[in-house]
Amino acid sequence: MPLAAGLFSLGLLATVTIFALYAAGYSDTPLWLNLTCMLAPLGLFLGVLFAVSAARRR
């Protein structure tokens, strides 16, 4: 579960960074930053997967 939270947090931070750069006038963001945004859905998916698997074990 900490892995999922960490990935989601990094993805969210990258998303906020892209919005801040766009607000500052930069429209051409680096590819690595755009790809880092994809960590948010991955972390969300892993979090749901961990929660469901923990609930099924009980």
N, C-alpha and C. Protein backbone atom coordinates (compact mmCIF):
# COMPACT_ATOMS: atom_id res chain seq x y z
N MET A 1 0.81 -1.19 0.00
CA MET A 1 0.00 0.00 0.00
C MET A 1 0.86 1.27 0.00
N PRO A 2 1.99 1.31 0.72
CA PRO A 2 2.84 2.52 0.65
C PRO A 2 3.39 2.77 -0.75
N LEU A 3 3.63 1.69 -1.50
CA LEU A 3 4.10 1.85 -2.88
C LEU A 3 3.05 2.55 -3.72
N ALA A 4 1.80 2.14 -3.57
CA ALA A 4 0.71 2.75 -4.33
C ALA A 4 0.55 4.22 -3.96
N ALA A 5 0.63 4.53 -2.68
CA ALA A 5 0.50 5.92 -2.24
C ALA A 5 1.66 6.77 -2.75
N GLY A 6 2.85 6.20 -2.76
CA GLY A 6 4.01 6.93 -3.27
C GLY A 6 3.91 7.21 -4.76
N LEU A 7 3.51 6.20 -5.52
CA LEU A 7 3.36 6.39 -6.96
C LEU A 7 2.28 7.41 -7.28
N PHE A 8 1.16 7.32 -6.54
CA PHE A 8 0.07 8.27 -6.77
C PHE A 8 0.52 9.69 -6.42
N SER A 9 1.26 9.84 -5.34
CA SER A 9 1.74 11.17 -4.93
C SER A 9 2.70 11.76 -5.96
N LEU A 10 3.61 10.93 -6.47
CA LEU A 10 4.54 11.42 -7.49
C LEU A 10 3.81 11.83 -8.77
N GLY A 11 2.83 11.05 -9.15
CA GLY A 11 2.05 11.39 -10.34
C GLY A 11 1.26 12.67 -10.14
N LEU A 12 0.70 12.84 -8.95
CA LEU A 12 -0.05 14.06 -8.65
C LEU A 12 0.87 15.27 -8.63
N LEU A 13 2.06 15.10 -8.07
CA LEU A 13 3.04 16.20 -8.04
C LEU A 13 3.46 16.58 -9.46
N ALA A 14 3.65 15.61 -10.32
CA ALA A 14 4.01 15.90 -11.72
C ALA A 14 2.88 16.63 -12.43
N THR A 15 1.63 16.25 -12.14
CA THR A 15 0.48 16.91 -12.75
C THR A 15 0.40 18.37 -12.31
N VAL A 16 0.59 18.61 -11.03
CA VAL A 16 0.57 19.99 -10.52
C VAL A 16 1.72 20.79 -11.12
N THR A 17 2.87 20.16 -11.29
CA THR A 17 4.02 20.85 -11.89
C THR A 17 3.73 21.24 -13.34
N ILE A 18 3.08 20.36 -14.08
CA ILE A 18 2.74 20.69 -15.47
C ILE A 18 1.77 21.85 -15.53
N PHE A 19 0.76 21.85 -14.63
CA PHE A 19 -0.18 22.97 -14.60
C PHE A 19 0.53 24.27 -14.23
N ALA A 20 1.46 24.20 -13.29
CA ALA A 20 2.19 25.40 -12.89
C ALA A 20 3.07 25.92 -14.03
N LEU A 21 3.72 25.01 -14.74
CA LEU A 21 4.54 25.43 -15.88
C LEU A 21 3.69 26.04 -16.98
N TYR A 22 2.52 25.47 -17.21
CA TYR A 22 1.62 26.00 -18.23
C TYR A 22 1.13 27.40 -17.83
N ALA A 23 0.83 27.58 -16.55
CA ALA A 23 0.39 28.88 -16.06
C ALA A 23 1.50 29.92 -16.15
N ALA A 24 2.75 29.45 -16.06
CA ALA A 24 3.90 30.36 -16.16
C ALA A 24 4.26 30.68 -17.60
N GLY A 25 3.60 30.03 -18.55
CA GLY A 25 3.84 30.35 -19.95
C GLY A 25 4.61 29.31 -20.74
N TYR A 26 5.00 28.22 -20.08
CA TYR A 26 5.71 27.16 -20.78
C TYR A 26 4.70 26.16 -21.33
N SER A 27 4.70 25.98 -22.64
CA SER A 27 3.75 25.03 -23.22
C SER A 27 4.43 23.75 -23.69
N ASP A 28 5.75 23.76 -23.80
CA ASP A 28 6.48 22.58 -24.27
C ASP A 28 7.15 21.92 -23.07
N THR A 29 6.42 21.04 -22.40
CA THR A 29 6.98 20.36 -21.23
C THR A 29 7.80 19.15 -21.67
N PRO A 30 8.77 18.76 -20.87
CA PRO A 30 9.61 17.61 -21.24
C PRO A 30 8.83 16.30 -21.22
N LEU A 31 9.27 15.37 -22.02
CA LEU A 31 8.60 14.08 -22.14
C LEU A 31 8.61 13.33 -20.82
N TRP A 32 9.72 13.36 -20.10
CA TRP A 32 9.80 12.61 -18.85
C TRP A 32 8.78 13.11 -17.84
N LEU A 33 8.47 14.42 -17.88
CA LEU A 33 7.47 14.96 -16.96
C LEU A 33 6.07 14.51 -17.36
N ASN A 34 5.80 14.46 -18.65
CA ASN A 34 4.51 13.96 -19.12
C ASN A 34 4.33 12.49 -18.78
N LEU A 35 5.38 11.71 -18.90
CA LEU A 35 5.29 10.29 -18.58
C LEU A 35 5.17 10.06 -17.08
N THR A 36 5.76 10.94 -16.29
CA THR A 36 5.65 10.82 -14.83
C THR A 36 4.21 11.02 -14.37
N CYS A 37 3.44 11.78 -15.10
CA CYS A 37 2.02 11.97 -14.76
C CYS A 37 1.25 10.66 -14.81
N MET A 38 1.74 9.71 -15.57
CA MET A 38 1.05 8.43 -15.67
C MET A 38 1.23 7.57 -14.42
N LEU A 39 2.04 8.03 -13.47
CA LEU A 39 2.18 7.30 -12.22
C LEU A 39 0.94 7.45 -11.34
N ALA A 40 0.18 8.53 -11.51
CA ALA A 40 -1.02 8.73 -10.68
C ALA A 40 -2.06 7.65 -10.94
N PRO A 41 -2.45 7.38 -12.20
CA PRO A 41 -3.41 6.29 -12.39
C PRO A 41 -2.85 4.92 -12.01
N LEU A 42 -1.55 4.73 -12.20
CA LEU A 42 -0.94 3.46 -11.82
C LEU A 42 -1.01 3.27 -10.31
N GLY A 43 -0.70 4.31 -9.56
CA GLY A 43 -0.79 4.24 -8.10
C GLY A 43 -2.21 4.03 -7.62
N LEU A 44 -3.16 4.68 -8.27
CA LEU A 44 -4.57 4.50 -7.92
C LEU A 44 -5.00 3.05 -8.18
N PHE A 45 -4.61 2.52 -9.31
CA PHE A 45 -4.95 1.13 -9.64
C PHE A 45 -4.34 0.16 -8.63
N LEU A 46 -3.07 0.37 -8.30
CA LEU A 46 -2.43 -0.51 -7.33
C LEU A 46 -3.06 -0.39 -5.94
N GLY A 47 -3.45 0.82 -5.56
CA GLY A 47 -4.11 1.01 -4.27
C GLY A 47 -5.43 0.28 -4.19
N VAL A 48 -6.21 0.36 -5.24
CA VAL A 48 -7.49 -0.37 -5.28
C VAL A 48 -7.24 -1.87 -5.28
N LEU A 49 -6.25 -2.30 -6.03
CA LEU A 49 -5.91 -3.72 -6.08
C LEU A 49 -5.47 -4.23 -4.71
N PHE A 50 -4.63 -3.48 -4.01
CA PHE A 50 -4.19 -3.87 -2.67
C PHE A 50 -5.36 -3.89 -1.69
N ALA A 51 -6.25 -2.91 -1.79
CA ALA A 51 -7.39 -2.85 -0.88
C ALA A 51 -8.34 -4.02 -1.10
N VAL A 52 -8.59 -4.35 -2.36
CA VAL A 52 -9.48 -5.48 -2.66
C VAL A 52 -8.85 -6.79 -2.21
N SER A 53 -7.57 -6.95 -2.44
CA SER A 53 -6.92 -8.21 -2.03
C SER A 53 -6.86 -8.32 -0.52
N ALA A 54 -6.69 -7.23 0.19
CA ALA A 54 -6.68 -7.27 1.65
C ALA A 54 -8.07 -7.58 2.19
N ALA A 55 -9.10 -7.09 1.55
CA ALA A 55 -10.46 -7.36 2.00
C ALA A 55 -10.85 -8.81 1.71
N ARG A 56 -10.34 -9.39 0.66
CA ARG A 56 -10.68 -10.77 0.33
C ARG A 56 -9.98 -11.76 1.25
N ARG A 57 -8.83 -11.35 1.83
CA ARG A 57 -8.10 -12.24 2.74
C ARG A 57 -8.80 -12.42 4.06
N ARG A 58 -9.65 -11.48 4.43
CA ARG A 58 -10.32 -11.55 5.74
C ARG A 58 -11.40 -12.53 5.77
